[in-house]
Structure formats: C-alpha cells, structure tokens
C-alpha cells in the first residue's frame, strides 16, 4: 500500500508540475505575442544590439518572474524607470526586465567565454570567469548610458528644425496639437518625433498640456528640452502667444548648438595631444634617429 501510494503521489506531483509549466509557457507565449503587436518585435530588438537581442528571451522567461516576486521591486522600478524612458526602451524593457538582464549576464557572459574557449581550443585562464561575471552585471548600465547619450544627441540635432516648424505652424493658425502633428508629418522620424507622439497621446487621453510637457521633460532628461517645456508651460499659464516664444527658443537652441560645436573644436587639440605623443612622435624619432644610430654603429663607413 505504501509503495502504491508513493507511486500515485509521485505521478500526481509530476502531473501538477508539468501542467503548471505548460500553463506558464502558454501565458508567456501569449504575453510575447501581445508585446510583439505593441512594437517590441525582432526588428526593433535588432536595433539595440546583439547582446539584448539574444539574451532577452532567456532572462524574460526565467529571471524576470523571480525579480518580479522580490519585496524590493518598487526600488528597482524607481531606480531604472527613468533611465529606460530616457533611452527610449520602455516598450522593450521594464525595470524588472532590466535588472533581470543584469543578473542574467552574470552567468551569460561566463558561458559565452567558456563556449568560445572550447570552440577555439584556446587555453585562456579560468580565473577570467570572475571578472567577466562582474563585467556582465555592470554591462547593461554602461550600455544604457550610451543609448541615453546617443538619443539625447539625436534630439538636440533635430530640435532647431522641429521648433521652427512648430513656430510657423502656430503662427499660421494651427493649435498646439495640430502644429505638433504637422511637425511629425514634415520632419524625418527621430527620437524627438517619437517624444512628440507620446506627448500628443497623453493630451488626447486627458492629460493637461502642462502635465504632458512635464512628463516629456522627465523622460528626455535634457536641459534644452526642459527649457523648451518650461517655457511652453509658463506661456500657457499666462495665456501668451507661443509663436514668438518658439522663435526665440529656436534661436537660443541654434546658438547653444553652435557654442557646443566651437567648444568641441577647441578641445580637439587637447584630445589629439596624447595620440601624437605615443604614436606620431616615436615614429618621427625612429625616422630621424635611425640613420644617425646606424652611422654611429658603423663608424661612418
């Protein structure tokens, strides 16, 4: 009786675990289909690097559910939410996903290292595994900082044209939403046009213009955008016409961009100093000094 009871309970437990796994698999596939319909498909993932593209299915399937059950997941959400918004990755990763990404690469990078070591038949020291694991944990932070800087530079490049178009549209008699729609229609797709689209959606679903502009400034986290949004909020609060204000903002943005270019040009000489010292100067010494050294060694013969 004990043997039959144990066999029955073992079979029942296997059945329950298997059913639960298949149920979770169905839920995961349904969630993936919903997210792919929302815009986080393979093509958009490919734009964000090979590491995220091939890691995301694994850490979202196996690590994110564990991170979502943490008691301090609220702190995780608060820590990474703004960085993901500034990088334009809110449709690709949630804060829990990003922290799962970090945890997954602690194991993922060493596995890749061991795989390459075996495939290439190299004798790389196994002591490298520990520093590679540490680098795997911090790699997503480095990666997202680069994405934020790249996106901010793209926004700065497109701001003068967008603000000019917005000022012309407003002065032509269009309201704020119609003017932004016209800007998105005429401007080439960029991070700035995506931010305008989000702003218009927030206003259409009931947010005030000031609230939508504050959200945009929070997401982008850029001085130029913060100044742009603050000026529009102040003009809206007193009922002033925003056409002349937008023209003045456009001139200010262009001047700021020109000063940044001049500053970058001024620092270029300092940045090229170290490559000159370590690469060009030794080559010059070799070219000039080699004949003299050979002459001294041969005694002038």
C-alpha atoms as a PDB file:
ATOM      1  CA  UNK A   1       0.000   0.000   0.000  1.00  0.00           C
ATOM      2  CA  UNK A   2       2.803   2.398   0.860  1.00  0.00           C
ATOM      3  CA  UNK A   3       4.532   1.664  -2.447  1.00  0.00           C
ATOM      4  CA  UNK A   4       1.342   2.237  -4.473  1.00  0.00           C
ATOM      5  CA  UNK A   5       0.557   5.404  -2.508  1.00  0.00           C
ATOM      6  CA  UNK A   6       4.061   6.783  -3.115  1.00  0.00           C
ATOM      7  CA  UNK A   7       3.832   5.977  -6.822  1.00  0.00           C
ATOM      8  CA  UNK A   8       0.440   7.660  -7.010  1.00  0.00           C
ATOM      9  CA  UNK A   9       1.643  10.782  -5.206  1.00  0.00           C
ATOM     10  CA  UNK A  10       4.811  10.918  -7.373  1.00  0.00           C
ATOM     11  CA  UNK A  11       2.751  10.679 -10.542  1.00  0.00           C
ATOM     12  CA  UNK A  12       0.316  13.304  -9.268  1.00  0.00           C
ATOM     13  CA  UNK A  13       3.139  15.710  -8.415  1.00  0.00           C
ATOM     14  CA  UNK A  14       4.733  15.201 -11.849  1.00  0.00           C
ATOM     15  CA  UNK A  15       1.365  15.838 -13.488  1.00  0.00           C
ATOM     16  CA  UNK A  16       0.779  19.032 -11.492  1.00  0.00           C
ATOM     17  CA  UNK A  17       4.288  20.378 -12.144  1.00  0.00           C
ATOM     18  CA  UNK A  18       4.020  19.589 -15.853  1.00  0.00           C
ATOM     19  CA  UNK A  19       0.589  21.234 -16.089  1.00  0.00           C
ATOM     20  CA  UNK A  20       1.902  24.318 -14.311  1.00  0.00           C
ATOM     21  CA  UNK A  21       4.899  24.511 -16.666  1.00  0.00           C
ATOM     22  CA  UNK A  22       2.708  24.254 -19.754  1.00  0.00           C
ATOM     23  CA  UNK A  23       0.310  26.842 -18.326  1.00  0.00           C
ATOM     24  CA  UNK A  24       3.179  29.269 -17.660  1.00  0.00           C
ATOM     25  CA  UNK A  25       4.544  28.570 -21.142  1.00  0.00           C
ATOM     26  CA  UNK A  26       1.170  29.413 -22.711  1.00  0.00           C
ATOM     27  CA  UNK A  27       0.928  32.612 -20.655  1.00  0.00           C
ATOM     28  CA  UNK A  28       4.465  33.574 -21.645  1.00  0.00           C
ATOM     29  CA  UNK A  29       3.790  32.992 -25.352  1.00  0.00           C
ATOM     30  CA  UNK A  30       0.560  34.992 -25.144  1.00  0.00           C
ATOM     31  CA  UNK A  31       2.417  37.849 -23.451  1.00  0.00           C
ATOM     32  CA  UNK A  32       5.137  37.740 -26.119  1.00  0.00           C
ATOM     33  CA  UNK A  33       2.507  37.965 -28.867  1.00  0.00           C
ATOM     34  CA  UNK A  34       0.870  40.967 -27.200  1.00  0.00           C
ATOM     35  CA  UNK A  35       4.214  42.733 -26.846  1.00  0.00           C
ATOM     36  CA  UNK A  36       5.231  41.955 -30.413  1.00  0.00           C
ATOM     37  CA  UNK A  37       1.983  43.560 -31.523  1.00  0.00           C
ATOM     38  CA  UNK A  38       2.852  46.593 -29.409  1.00  0.00           C
ATOM     39  CA  UNK A  39       6.095  47.169 -31.300  1.00  0.00           C
ATOM     40  CA  UNK A  40       8.757  45.154 -29.449  1.00  0.00           C
ATOM     41  CA  UNK A  41       9.404  42.703 -32.307  1.00  0.00           C
ATOM     42  CA  UNK A  42      12.684  41.233 -33.509  1.00  0.00           C
ATOM     43  CA  UNK A  43      13.399  44.134 -35.880  1.00  0.00           C
ATOM     44  CA  UNK A  44      13.203  46.690 -33.071  1.00  0.00           C
ATOM     45  CA  UNK A  45      15.310  44.440 -30.830  1.00  0.00           C
ATOM     46  CA  UNK A  46      17.986  44.186 -33.508  1.00  0.00           C
ATOM     47  CA  UNK A  47      18.467  47.968 -33.305  1.00  0.00           C
ATOM     48  CA  UNK A  48      19.571  47.694 -29.669  1.00  0.00           C
ATOM     49  CA  UNK A  49      22.490  45.310 -30.013  1.00  0.00           C
ATOM     50  CA  UNK A  50      23.201  41.631 -30.308  1.00  0.00           C
ATOM     51  CA  UNK A  51      23.523  41.076 -26.548  1.00  0.00           C
ATOM     52  CA  UNK A  52      19.978  42.226 -25.784  1.00  0.00           C
ATOM     53  CA  UNK A  53      18.555  40.522 -28.858  1.00  0.00           C
ATOM     54  CA  UNK A  54      19.739  37.050 -27.888  1.00  0.00           C
ATOM     55  CA  UNK A  55      19.551  37.465 -24.105  1.00  0.00           C
ATOM     56  CA  UNK A  56      16.029  38.876 -23.815  1.00  0.00           C
ATOM     57  CA  UNK A  57      14.080  35.640 -24.472  1.00  0.00           C
ATOM     58  CA  UNK A  58      16.013  33.845 -21.725  1.00  0.00           C
ATOM     59  CA  UNK A  59      16.004  36.411 -18.927  1.00  0.00           C
ATOM     60  CA  UNK A  60      12.391  37.414 -19.582  1.00  0.00           C
ATOM     61  CA  UNK A  61      11.324  33.781 -19.432  1.00  0.00           C
ATOM     62  CA  UNK A  62      13.315  32.599 -16.427  1.00  0.00           C
ATOM     63  CA  UNK A  63      14.718  35.561 -14.444  1.00  0.00           C
ATOM     64  CA  UNK A  64      12.070  38.297 -14.688  1.00  0.00           C
ATOM     65  CA  UNK A  65       9.383  36.235 -12.852  1.00  0.00           C
ATOM     66  CA  UNK A  66      11.828  35.798  -9.956  1.00  0.00           C
ATOM     67  CA  UNK A  67      12.719  39.510  -9.897  1.00  0.00           C
ATOM     68  CA  UNK A  68       9.004  40.424 -10.037  1.00  0.00           C
ATOM     69  CA  UNK A  69       8.487  38.455  -6.822  1.00  0.00           C
ATOM     70  CA  UNK A  70      11.127  40.457  -4.907  1.00  0.00           C
ATOM     71  CA  UNK A  71       9.889  42.518  -1.989  1.00  0.00           C
ATOM     72  CA  UNK A  72      12.034  45.490  -3.034  1.00  0.00           C
ATOM     73  CA  UNK A  73      10.864  45.512  -6.662  1.00  0.00           C
ATOM     74  CA  UNK A  74       9.460  49.016  -6.061  1.00  0.00           C
ATOM     75  CA  UNK A  75      13.003  50.298  -5.505  1.00  0.00           C
ATOM     76  CA  UNK A  76      14.146  48.515  -8.670  1.00  0.00           C
ATOM     77  CA  UNK A  77      11.336  50.161 -10.627  1.00  0.00           C
ATOM     78  CA  UNK A  78      12.170  53.628  -9.261  1.00  0.00           C
ATOM     79  CA  UNK A  79      15.893  53.168  -9.949  1.00  0.00           C
ATOM     80  CA  UNK A  80      15.671  52.136 -13.598  1.00  0.00           C
ATOM     81  CA  UNK A  81      12.384  53.603 -14.824  1.00  0.00           C
ATOM     82  CA  UNK A  82      13.768  56.996 -15.817  1.00  0.00           C
ATOM     83  CA  UNK A  83      16.892  55.561 -17.475  1.00  0.00           C
ATOM     84  CA  UNK A  84      14.746  53.289 -19.636  1.00  0.00           C
ATOM     85  CA  UNK A  85      12.492  56.219 -20.550  1.00  0.00           C
ATOM     86  CA  UNK A  86      15.475  58.434 -21.427  1.00  0.00           C
ATOM     87  CA  UNK A  87      16.907  55.675 -23.613  1.00  0.00           C
ATOM     88  CA  UNK A  88      13.551  55.120 -25.359  1.00  0.00           C
ATOM     89  CA  UNK A  89      13.368  51.492 -24.198  1.00  0.00           C
ATOM     90  CA  UNK A  90      10.095  51.471 -22.283  1.00  0.00           C
ATOM     91  CA  UNK A  91       8.429  49.362 -24.983  1.00  0.00           C
ATOM     92  CA  UNK A  92      11.340  46.907 -24.995  1.00  0.00           C
ATOM     93  CA  UNK A  93      12.212  46.501 -21.310  1.00  0.00           C
ATOM     94  CA  UNK A  94      10.515  47.077 -17.983  1.00  0.00           C
ATOM     95  CA  UNK A  95      12.623  47.957 -14.897  1.00  0.00           C
ATOM     96  CA  UNK A  96      12.243  44.349 -13.729  1.00  0.00           C
ATOM     97  CA  UNK A  97      13.449  43.167 -17.147  1.00  0.00           C
ATOM     98  CA  UNK A  98      16.476  45.440 -16.975  1.00  0.00           C
ATOM     99  CA  UNK A  99      17.510  44.157 -13.538  1.00  0.00           C
ATOM    100  CA  UNK A 100      16.944  40.595 -14.792  1.00  0.00           C
ATOM    101  CA  UNK A 101      19.200  41.456 -17.740  1.00  0.00           C
ATOM    102  CA  UNK A 102      21.948  42.405 -15.289  1.00  0.00           C
ATOM    103  CA  UNK A 103      21.532  39.217 -13.258  1.00  0.00           C
ATOM    104  CA  UNK A 104      21.399  37.020 -16.356  1.00  0.00           C
ATOM    105  CA  UNK A 105      24.676  38.360 -17.750  1.00  0.00           C
ATOM    106  CA  UNK A 106      26.468  37.368 -14.521  1.00  0.00           C
ATOM    107  CA  UNK A 107      26.078  33.812 -15.819  1.00  0.00           C
ATOM    108  CA  UNK A 108      25.618  34.562 -19.526  1.00  0.00           C
ATOM    109  CA  UNK A 109      28.995  36.183 -20.202  1.00  0.00           C
ATOM    110  CA  UNK A 110      30.999  33.378 -18.495  1.00  0.00           C
ATOM    111  CA  UNK A 111      29.031  30.795 -20.510  1.00  0.00           C
ATOM    112  CA  UNK A 112      29.923  32.617 -23.732  1.00  0.00           C
ATOM    113  CA  UNK A 113      33.546  32.818 -22.567  1.00  0.00           C
ATOM    114  CA  UNK A 114      33.675  29.064 -21.884  1.00  0.00           C
ATOM    115  CA  UNK A 115      31.962  28.318 -25.185  1.00  0.00           C
ATOM    116  CA  UNK A 116      34.483  30.387 -27.151  1.00  0.00           C
ATOM    117  CA  UNK A 117      37.342  28.863 -25.158  1.00  0.00           C
ATOM    118  CA  UNK A 118      36.194  25.352 -26.063  1.00  0.00           C
ATOM    119  CA  UNK A 119      35.293  26.119 -29.680  1.00  0.00           C
ATOM    120  CA  UNK A 120      38.551  27.937 -30.444  1.00  0.00           C
ATOM    121  CA  UNK A 121      40.571  25.384 -28.427  1.00  0.00           C
ATOM    122  CA  UNK A 122      42.276  28.178 -26.521  1.00  0.00           C
ATOM    123  CA  UNK A 123      43.966  27.962 -23.116  1.00  0.00           C
ATOM    124  CA  UNK A 124      42.551  31.155 -21.634  1.00  0.00           C
ATOM    125  CA  UNK A 125      42.849  31.102 -17.822  1.00  0.00           C
ATOM    126  CA  UNK A 126      39.664  30.158 -15.988  1.00  0.00           C
ATOM    127  CA  UNK A 127      40.463  32.912 -13.496  1.00  0.00           C
ATOM    128  CA  UNK A 128      38.924  35.317 -16.028  1.00  0.00           C
ATOM    129  CA  UNK A 129      35.439  33.981 -15.211  1.00  0.00           C
ATOM    130  CA  UNK A 130      35.027  36.038 -12.037  1.00  0.00           C
ATOM    131  CA  UNK A 131      35.909  39.455 -13.562  1.00  0.00           C
ATOM    132  CA  UNK A 132      33.812  38.572 -16.627  1.00  0.00           C
ATOM    133  CA  UNK A 133      30.831  37.899 -14.323  1.00  0.00           C
ATOM    134  CA  UNK A 134      31.315  41.268 -12.620  1.00  0.00           C
ATOM    135  CA  UNK A 135      31.544  42.966 -16.012  1.00  0.00           C
ATOM    136  CA  UNK A 136      28.337  41.168 -17.038  1.00  0.00           C
ATOM    137  CA  UNK A 137      26.473  42.708 -14.124  1.00  0.00           C
ATOM    138  CA  UNK A 138      27.625  46.244 -14.949  1.00  0.00           C
ATOM    139  CA  UNK A 139      27.483  45.940 -18.748  1.00  0.00           C
ATOM    140  CA  UNK A 140      23.758  46.898 -19.016  1.00  0.00           C
ATOM    141  CA  UNK A 141      24.453  50.122 -17.074  1.00  0.00           C
ATOM    142  CA  UNK A 142      27.254  51.058 -19.477  1.00  0.00           C
ATOM    143  CA  UNK A 143      25.104  50.080 -22.446  1.00  0.00           C
ATOM    144  CA  UNK A 144      22.056  52.111 -21.386  1.00  0.00           C
ATOM    145  CA  UNK A 145      24.187  55.196 -20.666  1.00  0.00           C
ATOM    146  CA  UNK A 146      25.443  55.023 -24.231  1.00  0.00           C
ATOM    147  CA  UNK A 147      21.872  54.667 -25.520  1.00  0.00           C
ATOM    148  CA  UNK A 148      20.781  57.714 -23.489  1.00  0.00           C
ATOM    149  CA  UNK A 149      23.639  59.873 -24.801  1.00  0.00           C
ATOM    150  CA  UNK A 150      23.003  58.758 -28.368  1.00  0.00           C
ATOM    151  CA  UNK A 151      19.295  59.549 -28.080  1.00  0.00           C
ATOM    152  CA  UNK A 152      19.899  62.933 -26.461  1.00  0.00           C
ATOM    153  CA  UNK A 153      22.318  63.923 -29.226  1.00  0.00           C
ATOM    154  CA  UNK A 154      19.747  62.891 -31.822  1.00  0.00           C
ATOM    155  CA  UNK A 155      17.118  65.055 -30.109  1.00  0.00           C
ATOM    156  CA  UNK A 156      19.477  68.054 -29.989  1.00  0.00           C
ATOM    157  CA  UNK A 157      20.245  67.690 -33.715  1.00  0.00           C
ATOM    158  CA  UNK A 158      16.552  67.685 -34.641  1.00  0.00           C
ATOM    159  CA  UNK A 159      15.339  70.366 -32.233  1.00  0.00           C
ATOM    160  CA  UNK A 160      16.038  73.538 -34.310  1.00  0.00           C
ATOM    161  CA  UNK A 161      14.059  72.329 -37.327  1.00  0.00           C
ATOM    162  CA  UNK A 162      11.222  70.982 -35.168  1.00  0.00           C
ATOM    163  CA  UNK A 163      10.896  74.181 -33.139  1.00  0.00           C
ATOM    164  CA  UNK A 164      10.979  76.325 -36.303  1.00  0.00           C
ATOM    165  CA  UNK A 165       8.238  74.199 -37.871  1.00  0.00           C
ATOM    166  CA  UNK A 166       6.229  74.363 -34.658  1.00  0.00           C
ATOM    167  CA  UNK A 167       6.502  78.179 -34.563  1.00  0.00           C
ATOM    168  CA  UNK A 168       5.479  78.529 -38.212  1.00  0.00           C
ATOM    169  CA  UNK A 169       2.537  76.188 -37.754  1.00  0.00           C
ATOM    170  CA  UNK A 170       1.292  78.033 -34.667  1.00  0.00           C
ATOM    171  CA  UNK A 171       1.625  81.423 -36.365  1.00  0.00           C
ATOM    172  CA  UNK A 172      -0.286  80.012 -39.354  1.00  0.00           C
ATOM    173  CA  UNK A 173      -3.288  79.472 -37.084  1.00  0.00           C
ATOM    174  CA  UNK A 174      -2.947  75.841 -36.001  1.00  0.00           C
ATOM    175  CA  UNK A 175      -3.446  74.862 -32.392  1.00  0.00           C
ATOM    176  CA  UNK A 176      -0.726  73.177 -30.362  1.00  0.00           C
ATOM    177  CA  UNK A 177      -1.697  69.556 -31.132  1.00  0.00           C
ATOM    178  CA  UNK A 178      -2.247  70.224 -34.860  1.00  0.00           C
ATOM    179  CA  UNK A 179       1.096  72.049 -35.024  1.00  0.00           C
ATOM    180  CA  UNK A 180       2.904  69.080 -33.477  1.00  0.00           C
ATOM    181  CA  UNK A 181       1.148  66.739 -35.904  1.00  0.00           C
ATOM    182  CA  UNK A 182       2.379  68.907 -38.763  1.00  0.00           C
ATOM    183  CA  UNK A 183       5.923  68.766 -37.384  1.00  0.00           C
ATOM    184  CA  UNK A 184       5.795  64.966 -37.197  1.00  0.00           C
ATOM    185  CA  UNK A 185       4.449  64.876 -40.724  1.00  0.00           C
ATOM    186  CA  UNK A 186       7.226  67.028 -42.205  1.00  0.00           C
ATOM    187  CA  UNK A 187      10.198  66.010 -40.068  1.00  0.00           C
ATOM    188  CA  UNK A 188      12.074  62.763 -40.572  1.00  0.00           C
ATOM    189  CA  UNK A 189      11.430  60.073 -37.935  1.00  0.00           C
ATOM    190  CA  UNK A 190      13.639  60.556 -34.910  1.00  0.00           C
ATOM    191  CA  UNK A 191      13.651  60.338 -31.130  1.00  0.00           C
ATOM    192  CA  UNK A 192      12.174  63.851 -30.971  1.00  0.00           C
ATOM    193  CA  UNK A 193       9.204  62.977 -33.181  1.00  0.00           C
ATOM    194  CA  UNK A 194       8.565  59.911 -31.007  1.00  0.00           C
ATOM    195  CA  UNK A 195       8.508  62.135 -27.937  1.00  0.00           C
ATOM    196  CA  UNK A 196       6.047  64.460 -29.679  1.00  0.00           C
ATOM    197  CA  UNK A 197       3.860  61.451 -30.477  1.00  0.00           C
ATOM    198  CA  UNK A 198       3.852  60.368 -26.827  1.00  0.00           C
ATOM    199  CA  UNK A 199       3.054  63.930 -25.737  1.00  0.00           C
ATOM    200  CA  UNK A 200       0.104  64.151 -28.144  1.00  0.00           C
ATOM    201  CA  UNK A 201      -1.232  60.773 -26.998  1.00  0.00           C
ATOM    202  CA  UNK A 202      -1.105  61.860 -23.358  1.00  0.00           C
ATOM    203  CA  UNK A 203      -3.007  65.066 -24.153  1.00  0.00           C
ATOM    204  CA  UNK A 204      -5.598  63.175 -26.196  1.00  0.00           C
ATOM    205  CA  UNK A 205      -6.317  60.723 -23.386  1.00  0.00           C
ATOM    206  CA  UNK A 206      -6.972  63.509 -20.902  1.00  0.00           C
ATOM    207  CA  UNK A 207      -3.691  64.887 -19.558  1.00  0.00           C
ATOM    208  CA  UNK A 208      -3.258  68.640 -19.463  1.00  0.00           C
ATOM    209  CA  UNK A 209      -0.695  70.274 -21.726  1.00  0.00           C
ATOM    210  CA  UNK A 210       1.459  71.244 -18.748  1.00  0.00           C
ATOM    211  CA  UNK A 211       1.406  67.712 -17.346  1.00  0.00           C
ATOM    212  CA  UNK A 212       2.290  66.173 -20.719  1.00  0.00           C
ATOM    213  CA  UNK A 213       5.162  68.631 -21.163  1.00  0.00           C
ATOM    214  CA  UNK A 214       6.481  67.852 -17.662  1.00  0.00           C
ATOM    215  CA  UNK A 215       6.383  64.152 -18.480  1.00  0.00           C
ATOM    216  CA  UNK A 216       8.302  64.792 -21.688  1.00  0.00           C
ATOM    217  CA  UNK A 217      10.974  66.781 -19.830  1.00  0.00           C
ATOM    218  CA  UNK A 218      11.233  63.972 -17.243  1.00  0.00           C
ATOM    219  CA  UNK A 219      11.636  61.303 -19.912  1.00  0.00           C
ATOM    220  CA  UNK A 220      14.251  63.054 -22.049  1.00  0.00           C
ATOM    221  CA  UNK A 221      16.254  64.471 -19.105  1.00  0.00           C
ATOM    222  CA  UNK A 222      17.930  67.146 -21.248  1.00  0.00           C
ATOM    223  CA  UNK A 223      18.467  70.826 -20.456  1.00  0.00           C
ATOM    224  CA  UNK A 224      17.249  72.027 -23.859  1.00  0.00           C
ATOM    225  CA  UNK A 225      14.028  70.010 -23.623  1.00  0.00           C
ATOM    226  CA  UNK A 226      13.467  71.081 -20.014  1.00  0.00           C
ATOM    227  CA  UNK A 227      13.842  74.733 -21.047  1.00  0.00           C
ATOM    228  CA  UNK A 228      11.521  74.179 -24.022  1.00  0.00           C
ATOM    229  CA  UNK A 229       8.840  72.550 -21.866  1.00  0.00           C
ATOM    230  CA  UNK A 230       9.154  75.065 -19.014  1.00  0.00           C
ATOM    231  CA  UNK A 231       8.773  77.990 -21.441  1.00  0.00           C
ATOM    232  CA  UNK A 232       5.661  76.491 -23.022  1.00  0.00           C
ATOM    233  CA  UNK A 233       4.148  75.743 -19.606  1.00  0.00           C
ATOM    234  CA  UNK A 234       4.789  79.334 -18.448  1.00  0.00           C
ATOM    235  CA  UNK A 235       3.319  80.766 -21.659  1.00  0.00           C
ATOM    236  CA  UNK A 236       0.286  78.507 -21.361  1.00  0.00           C
ATOM    237  CA  UNK A 237      -0.324  79.527 -17.748  1.00  0.00           C
ATOM    238  CA  UNK A 238      -0.499  83.250 -18.585  1.00  0.00           C
ATOM    239  CA  UNK A 239      -2.272  82.790 -21.929  1.00  0.00           C
ATOM    240  CA  UNK A 240       0.548  84.269 -24.021  1.00  0.00           C
ATOM    241  CA  UNK A 241       1.040  83.505 -27.697  1.00  0.00           C
ATOM    242  CA  UNK A 242       3.642  80.780 -28.100  1.00  0.00           C
ATOM    243  CA  UNK A 243       4.655  81.658 -31.693  1.00  0.00           C
ATOM    244  CA  UNK A 244       7.212  84.392 -30.842  1.00  0.00           C
ATOM    245  CA  UNK A 245       8.359  82.371 -27.846  1.00  0.00           C
ATOM    246  CA  UNK A 246       9.064  79.358 -30.039  1.00  0.00           C
ATOM    247  CA  UNK A 247      11.043  81.548 -32.479  1.00  0.00           C
ATOM    248  CA  UNK A 248      13.172  82.859 -29.632  1.00  0.00           C
ATOM    249  CA  UNK A 249      13.675  79.321 -28.376  1.00  0.00           C
ATOM    250  CA  UNK A 250      14.802  78.205 -31.831  1.00  0.00           C
ATOM    251  CA  UNK A 251      17.420  80.977 -31.976  1.00  0.00           C
ATOM    252  CA  UNK A 252      18.611  80.077 -28.474  1.00  0.00           C
ATOM    253  CA  UNK A 253      18.895  76.375 -29.361  1.00  0.00           C
ATOM    254  CA  UNK A 254      20.882  77.132 -32.512  1.00  0.00           C
ATOM    255  CA  UNK A 255      23.251  79.398 -30.596  1.00  0.00           C
ATOM    256  CA  UNK A 256      23.716  76.742 -27.931  1.00  0.00           C
ATOM    257  CA  UNK A 257      24.430  74.141 -30.595  1.00  0.00           C
ATOM    258  CA  UNK A 258      26.994  76.438 -32.277  1.00  0.00           C
ATOM    259  CA  UNK A 259      28.728  77.088 -28.961  1.00  0.00           C
ATOM    260  CA  UNK A 260      28.875  73.341 -28.277  1.00  0.00           C
ATOM    261  CA  UNK A 261      30.482  72.758 -31.694  1.00  0.00           C
ATOM    262  CA  UNK A 262      33.038  75.503 -31.021  1.00  0.00           C
ATOM    263  CA  UNK A 263      33.771  74.014 -27.613  1.00  0.00           C
ATOM    264  CA  UNK A 264      34.278  70.564 -29.124  1.00  0.00           C
ATOM    265  CA  UNK A 265      36.612  72.051 -31.742  1.00  0.00           C
ATOM    266  CA  UNK A 266      38.627  73.846 -29.055  1.00  0.00           C
ATOM    267  CA  UNK A 267      39.115  70.645 -27.062  1.00  0.00           C
ATOM    268  CA  UNK A 268      40.083  68.628 -30.155  1.00  0.00           C
ATOM    269  CA  UNK A 269      43.674  69.901 -29.987  1.00  0.00           C
ATOM    270  CA  UNK A 270      43.989  68.697 -26.399  1.00  0.00           C
ATOM    271  CA  UNK A 271      42.483  65.306 -27.214  1.00  0.00           C
ATOM    272  CA  UNK A 272      44.865  64.722 -30.122  1.00  0.00           C
ATOM    273  CA  UNK A 273      47.897  65.545 -27.970  1.00  0.00           C
ATOM    274  CA  UNK A 274      48.132  62.100 -26.361  1.00  0.00           C
ATOM    275  CA  UNK A 275      47.911  60.130 -29.641  1.00  0.00           C
ATOM    276  CA  UNK A 276      50.644  62.397 -31.015  1.00  0.00           C
ATOM    277  CA  UNK A 277      52.901  61.761 -28.028  1.00  0.00           C
ATOM    278  CA  UNK A 278      52.515  57.990 -28.048  1.00  0.00           C
ATOM    279  CA  UNK A 279      52.165  57.265 -31.787  1.00  0.00           C
ATOM    280  CA  UNK A 280      53.463  60.042 -34.044  1.00  0.00           C
ATOM    281  CA  UNK A 281      56.432  61.362 -32.037  1.00  0.00           C
ATOM    282  CA  UNK A 282      58.097  57.928 -31.591  1.00  0.00           C
ATOM    283  CA  UNK A 283      57.748  57.299 -35.330  1.00  0.00           C
ATOM    284  CA  UNK A 284      59.422  60.651 -36.072  1.00  0.00           C
ATOM    285  CA  UNK A 285      62.266  59.825 -33.682  1.00  0.00           C
ATOM    286  CA  UNK A 286      62.760  56.462 -35.399  1.00  0.00           C
ATOM    287  CA  UNK A 287      62.850  58.041 -38.876  1.00  0.00           C
ATOM    288  CA  UNK A 288      65.209  60.815 -37.815  1.00  0.00           C
ATOM    289  CA  UNK A 289      67.328  58.903 -35.324  1.00  0.00           C
ATOM    290  CA  UNK A 290      67.737  55.572 -37.115  1.00  0.00           C
ATOM    291  CA  UNK A 291      70.212  56.880 -39.761  1.00  0.00           C
ATOM    292  CA  UNK A 292      72.241  58.638 -37.062  1.00  0.00           C
ATOM    293  CA  UNK A 293      72.322  55.488 -34.933  1.00  0.00           C
ATOM    294  CA  UNK A 294      73.391  53.336 -37.884  1.00  0.00           C
ATOM    295  CA  UNK A 295      76.105  55.823 -38.783  1.00  0.00           C
ATOM    296  CA  UNK A 296      77.404  55.805 -35.211  1.00  0.00           C
ATOM    297  CA  UNK A 297      77.382  51.991 -35.089  1.00  0.00           C
ATOM    298  CA  UNK A 298      79.252  51.597 -38.386  1.00  0.00           C
ATOM    299  CA  UNK A 299      81.753  54.324 -37.561  1.00  0.00           C
ATOM    300  CA  UNK A 300      80.864  56.478 -40.518  1.00  0.00           C
ATOM    301  CA  UNK A 301      81.719  53.800 -43.068  1.00  0.00           C
END
